[in-house]
Amino acid sequence: MNFMLNKKLKIITPSIRKRSFDNIEHSVSNIEFKGKKTVFVGISGGQASGKKQISQYFHKHIKRSDTICEMSFFKPGEKERNISKEDEYLIKDYDYYSKERRLYLIDICDPDSYDYEAFYQTLKKLSEGHKVKIPYFDEEKCKFDNEKDKIIDPIQTPLIIIDGYFIFRNQKIRDFLNLKIYKEVEDDVRLSRLVLREEKYLKNNFDAYQIYFGIYERFYKISYDEYISTYKKMANILLPDYCVTEDNELEGDETLELLLSNLTYLSKRE
C-alpha cells in the first residue's frame, strides 16, 4: 500500500540525508498491514538514546496516535538476579545510594525482567479493536503508579508508537510492528546522558559514582552489546542522534519531519 510523501522537504547533506529519506520512503510505502486497522511503530535503541523523546514527539504531533512503553510490562524483583561474587558490592546496603534504586537499574538491563506475554496479549487486543489498560511505571520512584494508568482505544488512536530496549529481540512483539525504527547513539553520548540522569541520586558522592559506573560496566554495557545493538539489523530505519529540546520540540531536523509526515498519513488510513 503506497502513501503520498512530502516532496517539499529539502535535502541539506545528500551523502547522509538522501539515504535516510529514500529509506523512509521505501519502508513506509512497502508496509504490509495484513488486514490490521491498527498501525504499530516500534522505536528501539540503547539506554538514554532518546527513544521516549522521539516517541512523545510523534505522539504530540499526530492526533490519532498513542504510546506504549516497554516499562509498562516491567517485573521488578520477580526473578533471580545473576550477580557474581565479584559484583556483590553493587547490591550491598549503602546509606548514600538507595539499594532499591540500584536493583532497579540492574533489572531493567535484563530482558527476563519484562512480561512479554502480557505485552503480546495487549498488542493482540489492540489489533482486534479492543480497548486496553496500560500500566504506568514511575521510573523515578521505581514502582508502578496505578493512578497514572491509561486506556488506549485503537478506534480513536489507530497509530500506536512503542518504545523499548528489547522490542526487536522478542519475535512475538517484533512481528506486530509495521515499522521498526532504531535510534543510534554513540556509547559515550549515552553514558554522559545516563550519568546526568542519575546525578540527583548520586548526590556528588564519589563512592556512589563508583558503584554506578560498576553497574554500567557490568550490566548496561553488556545488555546493550548482547540484547539491543545486535537487533538493530531488524529495523527498517536507522536514525542517528537528533537534538530535541527539553520540551520535546524538534529543532528543525528534516529527516524526522519527513518521518513525521509519513506517520501522519499512516494514522489516517481507514
C-alpha atoms as a PDB file:
ATOM      1  CA  MET A   1       0.000   0.000   0.000  1.00  0.00           C
ATOM      2  CA  ASN A   2       1.537   3.297  -1.104  1.00  0.00           C
ATOM      3  CA  PHE A   3       1.242   6.635   0.652  1.00  0.00           C
ATOM      4  CA  MET A   4       1.719  10.190  -0.548  1.00  0.00           C
ATOM      5  CA  LEU A   5       5.080  11.521   0.633  1.00  0.00           C
ATOM      6  CA  ASN A   6       6.051  15.085   1.319  1.00  0.00           C
ATOM      7  CA  LYS A   7       8.393  16.021  -1.542  1.00  0.00           C
ATOM      8  CA  LYS A   8       8.818  19.647  -0.499  1.00  0.00           C
ATOM      9  CA  LEU A   9      11.441  18.954   2.164  1.00  0.00           C
ATOM     10  CA  LYS A  10      14.974  19.894   1.113  1.00  0.00           C
ATOM     11  CA  ILE A  11      17.983  17.640   1.487  1.00  0.00           C
ATOM     12  CA  ILE A  12      20.857  19.519   3.096  1.00  0.00           C
ATOM     13  CA  THR A  13      23.566  16.835   3.121  1.00  0.00           C
ATOM     14  CA  PRO A  14      22.811  14.340   0.328  1.00  0.00           C
ATOM     15  CA  SER A  15      25.539  11.871   1.317  1.00  0.00           C
ATOM     16  CA  ILE A  16      23.678  11.036   4.522  1.00  0.00           C
ATOM     17  CA  ARG A  17      20.242  12.628   4.256  1.00  0.00           C
ATOM     18  CA  LYS A  18      19.289  11.188   0.870  1.00  0.00           C
ATOM     19  CA  ARG A  19      19.919   7.665   2.085  1.00  0.00           C
ATOM     20  CA  SER A  20      17.741   8.365   5.127  1.00  0.00           C
ATOM     21  CA  PHE A  21      14.996   9.958   3.025  1.00  0.00           C
ATOM     22  CA  ASP A  22      14.966   7.121   0.497  1.00  0.00           C
ATOM     23  CA  ASN A  23      14.950   4.559   3.283  1.00  0.00           C
ATOM     24  CA  ILE A  24      11.941   6.189   4.950  1.00  0.00           C
ATOM     25  CA  GLU A  25      10.109   6.444   1.624  1.00  0.00           C
ATOM     26  CA  HIS A  26      10.781   2.815   0.800  1.00  0.00           C
ATOM     27  CA  SER A  27       9.995   1.477   4.290  1.00  0.00           C
ATOM     28  CA  VAL A  28       6.683   3.285   4.687  1.00  0.00           C
ATOM     29  CA  SER A  29       5.417   2.652   1.162  1.00  0.00           C
ATOM     30  CA  ASN A  30       6.160  -1.076   1.446  1.00  0.00           C
ATOM     31  CA  ILE A  31       4.467  -1.764   4.764  1.00  0.00           C
ATOM     32  CA  GLU A  32       2.334  -4.903   4.786  1.00  0.00           C
ATOM     33  CA  PHE A  33      -0.687  -4.436   7.027  1.00  0.00           C
ATOM     34  CA  LYS A  34      -2.189  -7.934   6.739  1.00  0.00           C
ATOM     35  CA  GLY A  35      -5.675  -6.542   7.243  1.00  0.00           C
ATOM     36  CA  LYS A  36      -4.907  -4.718  10.506  1.00  0.00           C
ATOM     37  CA  LYS A  37      -6.512  -1.364  11.108  1.00  0.00           C
ATOM     38  CA  THR A  38      -4.077  -0.586  13.926  1.00  0.00           C
ATOM     39  CA  VAL A  39      -0.581   0.530  12.935  1.00  0.00           C
ATOM     40  CA  PHE A  40       2.264  -0.332  15.308  1.00  0.00           C
ATOM     41  CA  VAL A  41       5.519   1.644  15.101  1.00  0.00           C
ATOM     42  CA  GLY A  42       8.410   0.431  17.252  1.00  0.00           C
ATOM     43  CA  ILE A  43      11.298   2.641  18.390  1.00  0.00           C
ATOM     44  CA  SER A  44      14.266   0.861  19.925  1.00  0.00           C
ATOM     45  CA  GLY A  45      17.793   1.791  20.930  1.00  0.00           C
ATOM     46  CA  GLY A  46      20.203   1.735  23.839  1.00  0.00           C
ATOM     47  CA  GLN A  47      19.741   3.259  27.259  1.00  0.00           C
ATOM     48  CA  ALA A  48      19.464   7.073  27.081  1.00  0.00           C
ATOM     49  CA  SER A  49      19.358   7.065  23.276  1.00  0.00           C
ATOM     50  CA  GLY A  50      16.256   9.283  23.243  1.00  0.00           C
ATOM     51  CA  LYS A  51      13.606   6.694  22.313  1.00  0.00           C
ATOM     52  CA  LYS A  52      10.976   8.121  24.628  1.00  0.00           C
ATOM     53  CA  GLN A  53      11.583  11.707  23.478  1.00  0.00           C
ATOM     54  CA  ILE A  54      11.081  10.742  19.854  1.00  0.00           C
ATOM     55  CA  SER A  55       8.024   8.657  20.726  1.00  0.00           C
ATOM     56  CA  GLN A  56       6.474  11.533  22.669  1.00  0.00           C
ATOM     57  CA  TYR A  57       7.335  13.967  19.888  1.00  0.00           C
ATOM     58  CA  PHE A  58       5.464  11.875  17.304  1.00  0.00           C
ATOM     59  CA  HIS A  59       2.528  11.444  19.672  1.00  0.00           C
ATOM     60  CA  LYS A  60       2.342  15.181  20.312  1.00  0.00           C
ATOM     61  CA  HIS A  61       2.156  15.997  16.585  1.00  0.00           C
ATOM     62  CA  ILE A  62      -0.087  13.126  15.435  1.00  0.00           C
ATOM     63  CA  LYS A  63      -3.608  13.472  16.812  1.00  0.00           C
ATOM     64  CA  ARG A  64      -4.724   9.899  16.179  1.00  0.00           C
ATOM     65  CA  SER A  65      -1.813   8.272  17.997  1.00  0.00           C
ATOM     66  CA  ASP A  66      -0.924   6.928  21.417  1.00  0.00           C
ATOM     67  CA  THR A  67       2.181   5.500  23.071  1.00  0.00           C
ATOM     68  CA  ILE A  68       3.169   2.348  24.919  1.00  0.00           C
ATOM     69  CA  CYS A  69       6.451   1.964  26.780  1.00  0.00           C
ATOM     70  CA  GLU A  70       8.092  -1.405  27.348  1.00  0.00           C
ATOM     71  CA  MET A  71       8.452  -0.375  31.013  1.00  0.00           C
ATOM     72  CA  SER A  72       4.684  -0.856  31.408  1.00  0.00           C
ATOM     73  CA  PHE A  73       5.453  -4.589  31.392  1.00  0.00           C
ATOM     74  CA  PHE A  74       8.434  -4.455  33.755  1.00  0.00           C
ATOM     75  CA  LYS A  75       8.567  -7.077  36.543  1.00  0.00           C
ATOM     76  CA  PRO A  76      10.655  -5.510  39.334  1.00  0.00           C
ATOM     77  CA  GLY A  77      12.372  -8.050  41.560  1.00  0.00           C
ATOM     78  CA  GLU A  78      10.428 -11.074  40.310  1.00  0.00           C
ATOM     79  CA  LYS A  79      13.398 -13.121  39.156  1.00  0.00           C
ATOM     80  CA  GLU A  80      16.706 -14.397  40.474  1.00  0.00           C
ATOM     81  CA  ARG A  81      19.453 -11.920  39.704  1.00  0.00           C
ATOM     82  CA  ASN A  82      22.623 -13.367  38.253  1.00  0.00           C
ATOM     83  CA  ILE A  83      25.062 -11.472  40.482  1.00  0.00           C
ATOM     84  CA  SER A  84      28.602 -12.813  40.669  1.00  0.00           C
ATOM     85  CA  LYS A  85      30.628 -12.656  43.885  1.00  0.00           C
ATOM     86  CA  GLU A  86      32.798 -10.092  42.157  1.00  0.00           C
ATOM     87  CA  ASP A  87      29.735  -7.849  41.717  1.00  0.00           C
ATOM     88  CA  GLU A  88      28.105  -8.350  45.120  1.00  0.00           C
ATOM     89  CA  TYR A  89      29.375  -4.949  46.271  1.00  0.00           C
ATOM     90  CA  LEU A  90      26.911  -3.386  43.825  1.00  0.00           C
ATOM     91  CA  ILE A  91      23.895  -4.629  45.786  1.00  0.00           C
ATOM     92  CA  LYS A  92      25.036  -4.177  49.388  1.00  0.00           C
ATOM     93  CA  ASP A  93      23.323  -1.641  51.644  1.00  0.00           C
ATOM     94  CA  TYR A  94      24.784   1.860  51.473  1.00  0.00           C
ATOM     95  CA  ASP A  95      23.391   4.910  53.224  1.00  0.00           C
ATOM     96  CA  TYR A  96      24.328   7.186  50.342  1.00  0.00           C
ATOM     97  CA  TYR A  97      22.782   5.297  47.420  1.00  0.00           C
ATOM     98  CA  SER A  98      19.417   3.524  47.646  1.00  0.00           C
ATOM     99  CA  LYS A  99      19.615  -0.258  47.222  1.00  0.00           C
ATOM    100  CA  GLU A 100      16.142  -0.219  45.657  1.00  0.00           C
ATOM    101  CA  ARG A 101      17.411   2.183  43.015  1.00  0.00           C
ATOM    102  CA  ARG A 102      20.487   0.088  42.243  1.00  0.00           C
ATOM    103  CA  LEU A 103      18.490  -3.142  41.920  1.00  0.00           C
ATOM    104  CA  TYR A 104      16.082  -1.358  39.584  1.00  0.00           C
ATOM    105  CA  LEU A 105      18.975  -0.213  37.383  1.00  0.00           C
ATOM    106  CA  ILE A 106      20.316  -3.765  37.241  1.00  0.00           C
ATOM    107  CA  ASP A 107      16.934  -5.349  36.496  1.00  0.00           C
ATOM    108  CA  ILE A 108      15.981  -3.080  33.590  1.00  0.00           C
ATOM    109  CA  CYS A 109      19.042  -4.354  31.698  1.00  0.00           C
ATOM    110  CA  ASP A 110      17.731  -7.935  31.620  1.00  0.00           C
ATOM    111  CA  PRO A 111      15.112  -8.959  29.010  1.00  0.00           C
ATOM    112  CA  ASP A 112      13.805 -11.533  31.503  1.00  0.00           C
ATOM    113  CA  SER A 113      12.605  -8.643  33.696  1.00  0.00           C
ATOM    114  CA  TYR A 114       9.702  -7.939  31.328  1.00  0.00           C
ATOM    115  CA  ASP A 115       6.404  -9.760  30.850  1.00  0.00           C
ATOM    116  CA  TYR A 116       6.404 -10.142  27.088  1.00  0.00           C
ATOM    117  CA  GLU A 117       3.406 -12.462  27.089  1.00  0.00           C
ATOM    118  CA  ALA A 118       1.279  -9.722  28.689  1.00  0.00           C
ATOM    119  CA  PHE A 119       2.837  -7.264  26.226  1.00  0.00           C
ATOM    120  CA  TYR A 120       1.913  -9.520  23.304  1.00  0.00           C
ATOM    121  CA  GLN A 121      -1.661 -10.007  24.527  1.00  0.00           C
ATOM    122  CA  THR A 122      -2.039  -6.224  24.851  1.00  0.00           C
ATOM    123  CA  LEU A 123      -0.958  -5.653  21.243  1.00  0.00           C
ATOM    124  CA  LYS A 124      -3.182  -8.507  20.083  1.00  0.00           C
ATOM    125  CA  LYS A 125      -6.245  -6.943  21.735  1.00  0.00           C
ATOM    126  CA  LEU A 126      -5.425  -3.567  20.207  1.00  0.00           C
ATOM    127  CA  SER A 127      -5.076  -5.126  16.755  1.00  0.00           C
ATOM    128  CA  GLU A 128      -8.525  -6.665  17.210  1.00  0.00           C
ATOM    129  CA  GLY A 129     -10.017  -3.262  18.004  1.00  0.00           C
ATOM    130  CA  HIS A 130     -10.383  -3.665  21.780  1.00  0.00           C
ATOM    131  CA  LYS A 131      -9.619  -1.020  24.395  1.00  0.00           C
ATOM    132  CA  VAL A 132      -6.778  -1.881  26.778  1.00  0.00           C
ATOM    133  CA  LYS A 133      -5.427  -0.543  30.061  1.00  0.00           C
ATOM    134  CA  ILE A 134      -1.727   0.343  30.037  1.00  0.00           C
ATOM    135  CA  PRO A 135       0.038   0.282  33.438  1.00  0.00           C
ATOM    136  CA  TYR A 136       2.286   3.220  34.323  1.00  0.00           C
ATOM    137  CA  PHE A 137       5.706   2.534  35.812  1.00  0.00           C
ATOM    138  CA  ASP A 138       7.289   5.503  37.575  1.00  0.00           C
ATOM    139  CA  GLU A 139      11.000   5.199  36.785  1.00  0.00           C
ATOM    140  CA  GLU A 140      11.976   7.768  39.403  1.00  0.00           C
ATOM    141  CA  LYS A 141      10.089   6.062  42.238  1.00  0.00           C
ATOM    142  CA  CYS A 142      10.929   2.595  40.844  1.00  0.00           C
ATOM    143  CA  LYS A 143       7.350   1.366  41.195  1.00  0.00           C
ATOM    144  CA  PHE A 144       4.006   1.272  39.421  1.00  0.00           C
ATOM    145  CA  ASP A 145       1.578   4.129  39.923  1.00  0.00           C
ATOM    146  CA  ASN A 146      -1.975   2.884  39.323  1.00  0.00           C
ATOM    147  CA  GLU A 147      -3.358   6.408  39.364  1.00  0.00           C
ATOM    148  CA  LYS A 148      -1.477   7.122  36.123  1.00  0.00           C
ATOM    149  CA  ASP A 149      -2.630   4.047  34.217  1.00  0.00           C
ATOM    150  CA  LYS A 150      -4.271   4.899  30.897  1.00  0.00           C
ATOM    151  CA  ILE A 151      -6.784   3.417  28.495  1.00  0.00           C
ATOM    152  CA  ILE A 152      -5.953   3.153  24.783  1.00  0.00           C
ATOM    153  CA  ASP A 153      -8.818   2.959  22.305  1.00  0.00           C
ATOM    154  CA  PRO A 154      -7.471   1.790  18.906  1.00  0.00           C
ATOM    155  CA  ILE A 155     -10.583   3.114  17.179  1.00  0.00           C
ATOM    156  CA  GLN A 156      -9.717   6.658  18.275  1.00  0.00           C
ATOM    157  CA  THR A 157      -5.930   6.267  18.061  1.00  0.00           C
ATOM    158  CA  PRO A 158      -5.081   3.658  15.400  1.00  0.00           C
ATOM    159  CA  LEU A 159      -1.367   4.609  15.355  1.00  0.00           C
ATOM    160  CA  ILE A 160       0.418   3.077  18.358  1.00  0.00           C
ATOM    161  CA  ILE A 161       4.031   4.117  18.976  1.00  0.00           C
ATOM    162  CA  ILE A 162       6.011   1.666  21.106  1.00  0.00           C
ATOM    163  CA  ASP A 163       9.412   2.336  22.645  1.00  0.00           C
ATOM    164  CA  GLY A 164      11.659  -0.109  24.431  1.00  0.00           C
ATOM    165  CA  TYR A 165      15.122  -1.625  24.742  1.00  0.00           C
ATOM    166  CA  PHE A 166      14.287  -5.187  23.693  1.00  0.00           C
ATOM    167  CA  ILE A 167      11.205  -4.902  21.469  1.00  0.00           C
ATOM    168  CA  PHE A 168      13.129  -6.040  18.369  1.00  0.00           C
ATOM    169  CA  ARG A 169      14.647  -9.000  20.223  1.00  0.00           C
ATOM    170  CA  ASN A 170      11.322 -10.582  21.129  1.00  0.00           C
ATOM    171  CA  GLN A 171       9.909 -12.116  17.961  1.00  0.00           C
ATOM    172  CA  LYS A 172       6.254 -12.079  19.054  1.00  0.00           C
ATOM    173  CA  ILE A 173       6.456  -8.327  19.712  1.00  0.00           C
ATOM    174  CA  ARG A 174       8.601  -7.682  16.640  1.00  0.00           C
ATOM    175  CA  ASP A 175       6.134  -9.429  14.343  1.00  0.00           C
ATOM    176  CA  PHE A 176       3.425  -6.999  15.419  1.00  0.00           C
ATOM    177  CA  LEU A 177       5.431  -3.954  14.350  1.00  0.00           C
ATOM    178  CA  ASN A 178       4.549  -2.485  10.955  1.00  0.00           C
ATOM    179  CA  LEU A 179       7.531  -0.146  11.099  1.00  0.00           C
ATOM    180  CA  LYS A 180      10.716  -0.580  13.143  1.00  0.00           C
ATOM    181  CA  ILE A 181      12.933   2.426  13.928  1.00  0.00           C
ATOM    182  CA  TYR A 182      16.302   2.141  15.681  1.00  0.00           C
ATOM    183  CA  LYS A 183      17.781   5.184  17.432  1.00  0.00           C
ATOM    184  CA  GLU A 184      21.545   5.001  17.029  1.00  0.00           C
ATOM    185  CA  VAL A 185      23.654   6.997  19.504  1.00  0.00           C
ATOM    186  CA  GLU A 186      27.355   6.678  20.365  1.00  0.00           C
ATOM    187  CA  ASP A 187      28.199   4.915  23.650  1.00  0.00           C
ATOM    188  CA  ASP A 188      29.977   7.912  25.173  1.00  0.00           C
ATOM    189  CA  VAL A 189      26.986  10.173  24.465  1.00  0.00           C
ATOM    190  CA  ARG A 190      24.580   7.715  26.047  1.00  0.00           C
ATOM    191  CA  LEU A 191      26.841   7.301  29.090  1.00  0.00           C
ATOM    192  CA  SER A 192      27.034  11.047  29.642  1.00  0.00           C
ATOM    193  CA  ARG A 193      23.237  11.261  29.472  1.00  0.00           C
ATOM    194  CA  LEU A 194      22.870   8.347  31.879  1.00  0.00           C
ATOM    195  CA  VAL A 195      25.178   9.989  34.406  1.00  0.00           C
ATOM    196  CA  LEU A 196      23.291  13.285  34.182  1.00  0.00           C
ATOM    197  CA  ARG A 197      20.028  11.394  34.619  1.00  0.00           C
ATOM    198  CA  GLU A 198      21.324   9.612  37.723  1.00  0.00           C
ATOM    199  CA  GLU A 199      23.100  12.646  39.195  1.00  0.00           C
ATOM    200  CA  LYS A 200      20.272  13.555  41.599  1.00  0.00           C
ATOM    201  CA  TYR A 201      20.524  10.095  43.198  1.00  0.00           C
ATOM    202  CA  LEU A 202      24.334  10.105  43.389  1.00  0.00           C
ATOM    203  CA  LYS A 203      24.419  13.457  45.223  1.00  0.00           C
ATOM    204  CA  ASN A 204      28.068  14.287  44.447  1.00  0.00           C
ATOM    205  CA  ASN A 205      29.205  11.235  46.430  1.00  0.00           C
ATOM    206  CA  PHE A 206      32.367   9.729  44.944  1.00  0.00           C
ATOM    207  CA  ASP A 207      31.584   6.203  46.212  1.00  0.00           C
ATOM    208  CA  ALA A 208      28.095   6.366  44.720  1.00  0.00           C
ATOM    209  CA  TYR A 209      29.556   7.287  41.336  1.00  0.00           C
ATOM    210  CA  GLN A 210      31.954   4.340  41.574  1.00  0.00           C
ATOM    211  CA  ILE A 211      29.041   1.994  42.206  1.00  0.00           C
ATOM    212  CA  TYR A 212      27.055   3.485  39.339  1.00  0.00           C
ATOM    213  CA  PHE A 213      29.928   3.072  36.876  1.00  0.00           C
ATOM    214  CA  GLY A 214      30.220  -0.532  38.086  1.00  0.00           C
ATOM    215  CA  ILE A 215      26.560  -1.086  37.241  1.00  0.00           C
ATOM    216  CA  TYR A 216      27.089   0.498  33.838  1.00  0.00           C
ATOM    217  CA  GLU A 217      30.107  -1.675  33.058  1.00  0.00           C
ATOM    218  CA  ARG A 218      28.701  -4.947  34.416  1.00  0.00           C
ATOM    219  CA  PHE A 219      25.101  -4.614  33.257  1.00  0.00           C
ATOM    220  CA  TYR A 220      24.270  -1.676  30.965  1.00  0.00           C
ATOM    221  CA  LYS A 221      27.187  -2.183  28.567  1.00  0.00           C
ATOM    222  CA  ILE A 222      26.741  -5.940  28.343  1.00  0.00           C
ATOM    223  CA  SER A 223      22.988  -5.595  27.909  1.00  0.00           C
ATOM    224  CA  TYR A 224      23.436  -3.090  25.102  1.00  0.00           C
ATOM    225  CA  ASP A 225      26.028  -5.192  23.275  1.00  0.00           C
ATOM    226  CA  GLU A 226      24.203  -8.530  23.612  1.00  0.00           C
ATOM    227  CA  TYR A 227      20.500  -7.708  23.603  1.00  0.00           C
ATOM    228  CA  ILE A 228      19.977  -4.307  21.981  1.00  0.00           C
ATOM    229  CA  SER A 229      22.504  -3.232  19.348  1.00  0.00           C
ATOM    230  CA  THR A 230      22.626  -6.767  17.931  1.00  0.00           C
ATOM    231  CA  TYR A 231      18.995  -6.412  16.869  1.00  0.00           C
ATOM    232  CA  LYS A 232      19.229  -3.077  15.094  1.00  0.00           C
ATOM    233  CA  LYS A 233      19.553  -5.122  11.892  1.00  0.00           C
ATOM    234  CA  MET A 234      15.842  -5.853  12.338  1.00  0.00           C
ATOM    235  CA  ALA A 235      14.977  -2.160  11.912  1.00  0.00           C
ATOM    236  CA  ASN A 236      13.529  -0.660   8.742  1.00  0.00           C
ATOM    237  CA  ILE A 237      15.013   2.733   9.567  1.00  0.00           C
ATOM    238  CA  LEU A 238      18.207   3.692  11.439  1.00  0.00           C
ATOM    239  CA  LEU A 239      18.064   7.175  12.934  1.00  0.00           C
ATOM    240  CA  PRO A 240      21.274   8.923  14.016  1.00  0.00           C
ATOM    241  CA  ASP A 241      21.201  11.186  17.075  1.00  0.00           C
ATOM    242  CA  TYR A 242      18.929  14.216  16.902  1.00  0.00           C
ATOM    243  CA  CYS A 243      18.673  17.323  19.025  1.00  0.00           C
ATOM    244  CA  VAL A 244      15.353  17.530  20.839  1.00  0.00           C
ATOM    245  CA  THR A 245      14.669  20.241  23.421  1.00  0.00           C
ATOM    246  CA  GLU A 246      13.578  19.549  26.999  1.00  0.00           C
ATOM    247  CA  ASP A 247      10.020  20.304  25.862  1.00  0.00           C
ATOM    248  CA  ASN A 248      10.309  17.589  23.195  1.00  0.00           C
ATOM    249  CA  GLU A 249      10.312  20.188  20.429  1.00  0.00           C
ATOM    250  CA  LEU A 250      12.106  19.108  17.282  1.00  0.00           C
ATOM    251  CA  GLU A 251      14.826  21.547  16.278  1.00  0.00           C
ATOM    252  CA  GLY A 252      14.253  21.506  12.539  1.00  0.00           C
ATOM    253  CA  ASP A 253      15.596  18.107  11.553  1.00  0.00           C
ATOM    254  CA  GLU A 254      14.313  17.337   8.073  1.00  0.00           C
ATOM    255  CA  THR A 255      14.634  13.563   8.268  1.00  0.00           C
ATOM    256  CA  LEU A 256      12.420  13.418  11.328  1.00  0.00           C
ATOM    257  CA  GLU A 257       9.993  15.855   9.748  1.00  0.00           C
ATOM    258  CA  LEU A 258       9.681  13.550   6.747  1.00  0.00           C
ATOM    259  CA  LEU A 259       9.148  10.581   9.023  1.00  0.00           C
ATOM    260  CA  LEU A 260       6.543  12.554  10.985  1.00  0.00           C
ATOM    261  CA  SER A 261       4.647  13.426   7.798  1.00  0.00           C
ATOM    262  CA  ASN A 262       4.556   9.763   6.782  1.00  0.00           C
ATOM    263  CA  LEU A 263       3.408   8.573  10.208  1.00  0.00           C
ATOM    264  CA  THR A 264       0.621  11.143   9.996  1.00  0.00           C
ATOM    265  CA  TYR A 265      -0.505   9.541   6.722  1.00  0.00           C
ATOM    266  CA  LEU A 266      -0.431   6.123   8.370  1.00  0.00           C
ATOM    267  CA  SER A 267      -2.640   7.334  11.216  1.00  0.00           C
ATOM    268  CA  LYS A 268      -5.290   8.406   8.702  1.00  0.00           C
ATOM    269  CA  ARG A 269      -5.602   5.103   6.860  1.00  0.00           C
ATOM    270  CA  GLU A 270      -9.029   3.504   7.111  1.00  0.00           C
END
